[in-house]
Protein backbone atom coordinates (compact mmCIF):
# COMPACT_ATOMS: atom_id res chain seq x y z
CA UNK A 1 17.73 2.91 12.98
CA UNK A 2 17.59 1.54 9.43
CA UNK A 3 17.03 -2.05 10.57
CA UNK A 4 14.39 -0.86 13.05
CA UNK A 5 12.61 1.08 10.30
CA UNK A 6 12.67 -1.91 7.98
CA UNK A 7 11.05 -4.24 10.50
CA UNK A 8 8.50 -1.65 11.66
CA UNK A 9 7.45 -1.02 8.07
CA UNK A 10 7.15 -4.78 7.54
CA UNK A 11 4.65 -4.85 10.42
CA UNK A 12 2.81 -1.79 9.06
CA UNK A 13 2.65 -3.37 5.61
CA UNK A 14 1.03 -6.53 6.99
CA UNK A 15 -1.38 -4.53 9.11
CA UNK A 16 -2.74 -2.37 6.33
CA UNK A 17 -2.83 -5.12 3.69
CA UNK A 18 -5.09 -7.44 5.69
CA UNK A 19 -6.52 -4.57 7.76
CA UNK A 20 -7.88 -2.83 4.66
CA UNK A 21 -10.28 -5.73 4.06
CA UNK A 22 -11.18 -6.12 7.75
CA UNK A 23 -11.78 -2.39 8.16
CA UNK A 24 -14.02 -2.32 5.10
CA UNK A 25 -16.36 -4.93 6.54
CA UNK A 26 -16.12 -3.58 10.10
CA UNK A 27 -17.05 -0.10 8.87
CA UNK A 28 -20.18 -1.46 7.22
CA UNK A 29 -19.13 -1.55 3.56
CA UNK A 30 -19.97 -4.33 1.13
CA UNK A 31 -17.76 -7.24 0.13
CA UNK A 32 -17.02 -5.41 -3.13
CA UNK A 33 -16.06 -2.35 -1.12
CA UNK A 34 -13.70 -4.37 1.09
CA UNK A 35 -12.05 -6.01 -1.93
CA UNK A 36 -11.63 -2.59 -3.54
CA UNK A 37 -9.67 -1.50 -0.46
CA UNK A 38 -7.41 -4.52 -1.00
CA UNK A 39 -6.94 -3.22 -4.54
CA UNK A 40 -6.04 0.20 -3.07
CA UNK A 41 -3.18 -1.45 -1.17
CA UNK A 42 -2.00 -3.22 -4.33
CA UNK A 43 -2.28 0.01 -6.35
CA UNK A 44 0.19 1.48 -3.89
CA UNK A 45 2.67 -1.26 -4.76
CA UNK A 46 2.20 -0.57 -8.47
CA UNK A 47 2.57 3.21 -8.02
CA UNK A 48 6.04 2.55 -6.62
CA UNK A 49 7.25 1.87 -10.17
CA UNK A 50 6.05 5.27 -11.43
CA UNK A 51 7.96 7.36 -8.89
CA UNK A 52 10.99 9.26 -10.12
CA UNK A 53 13.68 10.85 -7.92
CA UNK A 54 11.76 14.10 -7.54
CA UNK A 55 8.59 12.37 -6.36
CA UNK A 56 10.53 10.08 -4.02
CA UNK A 57 12.04 13.14 -2.33
CA UNK A 58 8.51 14.43 -1.73
CA UNK A 59 7.46 11.34 0.23
CA UNK A 60 7.30 13.42 3.42
CA UNK A 61 4.56 15.52 1.81
CA UNK A 62 2.72 12.37 0.70
CA UNK A 63 2.99 10.97 4.24
CA UNK A 64 1.48 14.19 5.61
CA UNK A 65 -1.38 13.90 3.11
CA UNK A 66 -1.92 10.30 4.26
CA UNK A 67 -2.24 11.67 7.81
CA UNK A 68 -4.95 14.07 6.63
CA UNK A 69 -6.88 11.27 4.90
CA UNK A 70 -6.60 9.10 8.03
CA UNK A 71 -7.90 11.97 10.14
CA UNK A 72 -10.78 12.39 7.69
CA UNK A 73 -11.83 8.78 8.29
CA UNK A 74 -12.12 9.53 12.02
CA UNK A 75 -14.16 12.73 11.74
CA UNK A 76 -16.24 12.38 8.58
CA UNK A 77 -19.76 10.98 8.96
CA UNK A 78 -20.60 10.61 5.27
CA UNK A 79 -19.91 6.95 4.29
CA UNK A 80 -18.85 7.87 0.75
CA UNK A 81 -16.36 10.52 1.88
CA UNK A 82 -15.00 8.20 4.56
CA UNK A 83 -14.50 5.48 1.97
CA UNK A 84 -12.72 7.84 -0.44
CA UNK A 85 -10.40 8.92 2.38
CA UNK A 86 -9.75 5.28 3.31
CA UNK A 87 -9.03 4.24 -0.28
CA UNK A 88 -6.57 7.11 -0.74
CA UNK A 89 -4.98 6.50 2.66
CA UNK A 90 -4.37 2.78 2.04
CA UNK A 91 -2.92 3.46 -1.42
CA UNK A 92 -0.63 6.26 -0.17
CA UNK A 93 0.56 4.33 2.88
CA UNK A 94 1.29 1.28 0.75
CA UNK A 95 3.42 3.35 -1.65
CA UNK A 96 5.27 5.22 1.12
CA UNK A 97 5.93 2.08 3.17
CA UNK A 98 7.32 0.20 0.17
CA UNK A 99 9.51 3.19 -0.71
CA UNK A 100 10.79 3.32 2.86
CA UNK A 101 11.54 -0.40 2.80
CA UNK A 102 13.49 0.05 -0.45
CA UNK A 103 15.54 2.85 1.10
CA UNK A 104 16.43 0.97 4.29
CA UNK A 105 16.43 -2.55 2.86
CA UNK A 106 17.92 -4.90 5.40
CA UNK A 107 20.20 -7.87 4.76
CA UNK A 108 18.55 -9.79 7.57
CA UNK A 109 17.36 -13.34 6.77
CA UNK A 110 14.24 -13.53 4.61
CA UNK A 111 12.43 -15.73 7.12
CA UNK A 112 12.86 -13.03 9.79
CA UNK A 113 11.48 -10.35 7.50
CA UNK A 114 8.47 -12.53 6.78
CA UNK A 115 7.93 -13.15 10.50
CA UNK A 116 7.58 -9.41 11.11
CA UNK A 117 5.19 -9.13 8.19
CA UNK A 118 3.14 -12.01 9.58
CA UNK A 119 3.09 -10.22 12.93
CA UNK A 120 1.43 -7.34 11.11
CA UNK A 121 -1.15 -9.75 9.65
CA UNK A 122 -2.05 -10.94 13.15
CA UNK A 123 -2.24 -7.43 14.62
CA UNK A 124 -4.46 -6.38 11.71
CA UNK A 125 -7.46 -7.74 13.64
CA UNK A 126 -7.59 -4.39 15.49
CA UNK A 127 -8.42 -2.71 12.18
CA UNK A 128 -11.92 -4.21 12.21
CA UNK A 129 -13.13 -2.07 15.13
CA UNK A 130 -10.41 0.55 15.53
CA UNK A 131 -9.10 0.89 11.98
CA UNK A 132 -9.55 4.65 11.71
CA UNK A 133 -7.47 5.30 14.84
CA UNK A 134 -4.90 2.68 13.83
CA UNK A 135 -4.50 4.38 10.44
CA UNK A 136 -3.90 7.74 12.14
CA UNK A 137 -1.20 6.16 14.32
CA UNK A 138 0.43 4.34 11.40
CA UNK A 139 0.31 7.47 9.22
CA UNK A 140 1.93 9.66 11.89
CA UNK A 141 4.65 7.08 12.60
CA UNK A 142 5.27 6.64 8.88
CA UNK A 143 5.61 10.42 8.50
CA UNK A 144 8.18 10.51 11.31
CA UNK A 145 10.18 7.64 9.80
CA UNK A 146 10.03 9.31 6.39
CA UNK A 147 11.56 12.49 7.81
CA UNK A 148 14.28 10.60 9.70
CA UNK A 149 15.33 8.06 7.07
CA UNK A 150 17.21 8.51 3.79
CA UNK A 151 15.23 8.76 0.56
CA UNK A 152 15.34 6.04 -2.07
CA UNK A 153 17.31 7.64 -4.90
CA UNK A 154 16.80 5.25 -7.80
CA UNK A 155 15.07 6.75 -10.84
CA UNK A 156 11.66 5.75 -12.17
CA UNK A 157 11.65 1.95 -12.35
CA UNK A 158 8.95 1.82 -15.00
CA UNK A 159 10.96 4.03 -17.39
CA UNK A 160 13.99 1.78 -17.01
CA UNK A 161 11.83 -1.30 -17.48
CA UNK A 162 10.22 0.02 -20.69
CA UNK A 163 13.55 1.13 -22.14
CA UNK A 164 15.11 -2.25 -21.52
CA UNK A 165 17.62 -1.09 -18.93
CA UNK A 166 16.72 -4.14 -16.85
CA UNK A 167 17.28 -6.43 -19.83
CA UNK A 168 15.14 -7.63 -22.73
CA UNK A 169 12.94 -9.77 -20.47
CA UNK A 170 10.60 -7.13 -19.02
CA UNK A 171 8.19 -9.44 -17.19
CA UNK A 172 8.17 -13.04 -16.01
CA UNK A 173 4.67 -14.30 -16.69
CA UNK A 174 5.23 -17.47 -14.69
CA UNK A 175 5.89 -15.36 -11.58
CA UNK A 176 2.93 -13.11 -12.37
CA UNK A 177 0.50 -16.02 -12.72
CA UNK A 178 1.92 -17.70 -9.61
CA UNK A 179 1.12 -14.55 -7.63
CA UNK A 180 -2.31 -14.38 -9.26
CA UNK A 181 -3.10 -17.90 -8.03
CA UNK A 182 -2.64 -16.72 -4.42
CA UNK A 183 -4.12 -13.25 -4.57
CA UNK A 184 -7.23 -14.36 -6.41
CA UNK A 185 -8.37 -16.26 -3.32
CA UNK A 186 -6.47 -15.05 -0.23
CA UNK A 187 -8.72 -12.08 0.64
CA UNK A 188 -11.84 -14.08 -0.17
CA UNK A 189 -10.75 -16.74 2.33
CA UNK A 190 -10.05 -13.98 4.85
CA UNK A 191 -13.64 -12.80 4.40
CA UNK A 192 -15.04 -16.32 4.54
CA UNK A 193 -13.22 -16.98 7.83
CA UNK A 194 -14.46 -13.62 9.16
CA UNK A 195 -18.07 -14.53 8.37
CA UNK A 196 -17.79 -18.14 9.58
CA UNK A 197 -16.30 -17.27 12.98
CA UNK A 198 -17.72 -13.76 13.29
CA UNK A 199 -14.33 -12.69 14.63
CA UNK A 200 -11.61 -10.54 13.05
CA UNK A 201 -9.06 -12.23 15.32
CA UNK A 202 -10.05 -15.66 14.03
CA UNK A 203 -9.84 -14.36 10.45
CA UNK A 204 -6.35 -12.94 10.95
CA UNK A 205 -5.33 -16.15 12.76
CA UNK A 206 -6.27 -18.32 9.78
CA UNK A 207 -4.60 -15.90 7.41
CA UNK A 208 -1.40 -16.24 9.46
CA UNK A 209 -1.85 -20.04 9.66
CA UNK A 210 -1.51 -20.11 5.87
CA UNK A 211 1.74 -18.16 6.07
CA UNK A 212 3.49 -20.44 8.56
CA UNK A 213 3.92 -23.29 6.03
CA UNK A 214 4.79 -20.62 3.45
CA UNK A 215 7.71 -19.44 5.59
CA UNK A 216 8.82 -23.00 6.42
CA UNK A 217 8.79 -24.31 2.84
CA UNK A 218 12.08 -22.81 1.64
CA UNK A 219 14.24 -23.93 4.60
CA UNK A 220 12.60 -27.39 4.51
CA UNK A 221 13.28 -27.78 0.79
CA UNK A 222 16.90 -26.68 1.26
CA UNK A 223 17.33 -29.23 4.04
CA UNK A 224 16.90 -31.95 1.41
CA UNK A 225 20.17 -30.70 -0.15
CA UNK A 226 18.79 -31.36 -3.61
CA UNK A 227 18.63 -28.91 -6.48
CA UNK A 228 15.63 -30.41 -8.26
CA UNK A 229 13.92 -27.01 -8.19
CA UNK A 230 11.61 -27.79 -11.09
CA UNK A 231 10.37 -30.98 -9.40
CA UNK A 232 9.56 -29.08 -6.22
CA UNK A 233 7.88 -26.36 -8.26
CA UNK A 234 5.66 -28.76 -10.20
CA UNK A 235 4.84 -30.84 -7.14
CA UNK A 236 4.05 -27.76 -5.04
CA UNK A 237 1.69 -26.29 -7.61
CA UNK A 238 -0.11 -29.60 -8.16
CA UNK A 239 -0.46 -29.84 -4.37
CA UNK A 240 -1.90 -26.33 -4.03
CA UNK A 241 -4.29 -26.89 -6.96
CA UNK A 242 -5.61 -30.04 -5.30
CA UNK A 243 -5.98 -28.29 -1.94
CA UNK A 244 -7.89 -25.41 -3.53
CA UNK A 245 -10.30 -27.82 -5.20
CA UNK A 246 -10.76 -29.51 -1.83
CA UNK A 247 -11.45 -26.12 -0.25
CA UNK A 248 -14.08 -25.37 -2.87
CA UNK A 249 -15.83 -28.67 -2.11
CA UNK A 250 -15.75 -28.28 1.69
CA UNK A 251 -15.96 -24.53 2.33
CA UNK A 252 -19.74 -24.28 2.68
CA UNK A 253 -20.57 -27.35 4.77
CA UNK A 254 -17.23 -28.25 6.37
CA UNK A 255 -15.63 -24.88 6.97
CA UNK A 256 -13.03 -26.15 9.47
CA UNK A 257 -11.75 -28.65 6.90
CA UNK A 258 -11.52 -25.83 4.36
CA UNK A 259 -9.57 -23.69 6.83
CA UNK A 260 -7.08 -26.49 7.50
CA UNK A 261 -6.64 -27.04 3.76
CA UNK A 262 -6.13 -23.28 3.38
CA UNK A 263 -3.31 -23.39 5.91
CA UNK A 264 -1.69 -26.28 4.03
CA UNK A 265 -1.70 -24.35 0.72
CA UNK A 266 1.23 -22.42 2.18
CA UNK A 267 3.45 -25.39 1.34
CA UNK A 268 2.55 -24.98 -2.32
CA UNK A 269 2.80 -21.20 -2.45
CA UNK A 270 6.03 -21.23 -0.46
CA UNK A 271 7.97 -22.80 -3.31
CA UNK A 272 7.83 -19.49 -5.18
CA UNK A 273 11.63 -19.29 -4.86
CA UNK A 274 11.82 -22.37 -7.10
CA UNK A 275 10.55 -20.27 -10.02
CA UNK A 276 13.71 -18.17 -10.00
CA UNK A 277 15.97 -21.16 -9.48
CA UNK A 278 14.25 -23.23 -12.18
CA UNK A 279 14.64 -20.49 -14.78
CA UNK A 280 18.08 -19.28 -13.73
CA UNK A 281 20.06 -21.16 -16.38
CA UNK A 282 17.46 -20.69 -19.11
CA UNK A 283 16.37 -17.05 -18.92
CA UNK A 284 17.72 -14.01 -17.10
CA UNK A 285 15.51 -11.56 -15.23
CA UNK A 286 16.68 -8.46 -13.38
CA UNK A 287 15.73 -8.23 -9.70
CA UNK A 288 13.37 -5.33 -10.46
CA UNK A 289 11.68 -7.40 -13.16
CA UNK A 290 10.93 -10.05 -10.55
CA UNK A 291 9.47 -7.41 -8.23
CA UNK A 292 7.41 -5.87 -11.03
CA UNK A 293 6.13 -9.28 -12.14
CA UNK A 294 5.09 -10.11 -8.57
CA UNK A 295 3.22 -6.83 -8.06
CA UNK A 296 1.39 -7.13 -11.38
CA UNK A 297 0.27 -10.60 -10.26
CA UNK A 298 -0.91 -9.24 -6.91
CA UNK A 299 -2.97 -6.54 -8.60
CA UNK A 300 -4.49 -8.74 -11.31
CA UNK A 301 -5.33 -11.45 -8.79
CA UNK A 302 -7.43 -9.11 -6.65
CA UNK A 303 -9.07 -7.52 -9.71
CA UNK A 304 -10.14 -10.96 -10.93
CA UNK A 305 -11.39 -11.86 -7.43
CA UNK A 306 -13.51 -8.72 -7.37
CA UNK A 307 -14.92 -9.45 -10.84
CA UNK A 308 -15.67 -13.06 -9.91
CA UNK A 309 -17.60 -12.02 -6.82
CA UNK A 310 -19.43 -9.27 -8.71
CA UNK A 311 -20.78 -11.73 -11.28
CA UNK A 312 -21.38 -14.77 -9.05
CA UNK A 313 -22.22 -13.09 -5.70
CA UNK A 314 -20.18 -15.85 -4.07
CA UNK A 315 -16.65 -15.90 -2.64
CA UNK A 316 -15.95 -19.58 -3.26
CA UNK A 317 -15.57 -19.70 -7.10
CA UNK A 318 -12.20 -17.93 -6.82
CA UNK A 319 -10.82 -21.13 -5.27
CA UNK A 320 -11.22 -22.88 -8.62
CA UNK A 321 -9.58 -19.91 -10.35
CA UNK A 322 -6.67 -20.21 -7.94
CA UNK A 323 -6.29 -23.89 -8.87
CA UNK A 324 -6.41 -22.98 -12.57
CA UNK A 325 -3.69 -20.35 -12.20
CA UNK A 326 -1.52 -22.76 -10.18
CA UNK A 327 -1.62 -25.32 -13.00
CA UNK A 328 -1.08 -22.55 -15.58
CA UNK A 329 2.11 -21.58 -13.74
CA UNK A 330 3.49 -25.07 -14.38
CA UNK A 331 2.66 -24.72 -18.07
CA UNK A 332 4.34 -21.32 -18.33
CA UNK A 333 7.51 -22.54 -16.61
CA UNK A 334 7.65 -25.63 -18.82
CA UNK A 335 7.05 -23.58 -21.95
CA UNK A 336 9.79 -21.10 -21.04
CA UNK A 337 12.31 -23.89 -20.47
CA UNK A 338 11.36 -25.75 -23.69
CA UNK A 339 11.63 -22.57 -25.79
CA UNK A 340 14.96 -21.65 -24.18
CA UNK A 341 16.34 -25.11 -24.99
CA UNK A 342 15.13 -24.80 -28.60
CA UNK A 343 16.79 -21.40 -28.96
CA UNK A 344 20.02 -22.76 -27.51
CA UNK A 345 19.95 -25.70 -29.96
CA UNK A 346 19.41 -23.36 -32.91
CA UNK A 347 22.30 -21.12 -31.84
CA UNK A 348 24.53 -24.18 -31.45
């Protein structure tokens, strides 16, 4: 039951993350409105760190409220009220699903977990036309799983983080900026592919195409049987920066080329595991610090994407921002290692 719940929630998570953007456009909202729904999903991931034991035990109530918001989307005619219900529903579902996943966390291989999440990305195409009904179904099933599964009993993560219970290193900025490089452009490319092909299925397909190299990168790197993690990290981020610049150049006139380059960026983003391995002997980070750093990067990336579109009225400039953040990640990693070596020399 626990393994089943974990994989089902992985699918749900993928569906609502990509589906939030697709539903926003399919329901007639603006690009800013669709990106704000992506922010709603990321807010849910951030809210996870504010939940204490008491609030976690009330997740059944929150799931029931999510059901009410989902039902409101179906029956309300007013666009503003529908949007408010959708925003709240995506944020609540994101929080509840991540809490459920924490409670039933599986020890299955990471690649398998990602495959189920990618399955959710592909299925998310149904959210474009039938998102309101899909949200009702997901909310009801999430409520049932919440009632059947154990509650996550850890105390408020943010309190522990602030008080240093996870160690003195409270955030890894290299991980945060790495995540920003992806999330600043991923939803924009989803929208670009939606507009180019006029098909939510094509948009979800290209989104998934980017994730296939992402999933393959770690096992391929480990097949080399080398531990030059920093070399892979630097090379991967230079690669992804170059691909993003190429996407910026080709996206308007040669959209298919841009889509292929987008898929290939997965090889650069997929070396995220090299960040941990590169820093392992220089600086220690608690597992929850890694998770917090990732989620902050997700949130900031989408916020910056929204701001960039608001001021430029174009989706493509975020590709250059993604390249900038990819190169910045290399600088942050290098700086961390250099400073750690200096500190070690001083102590010696």
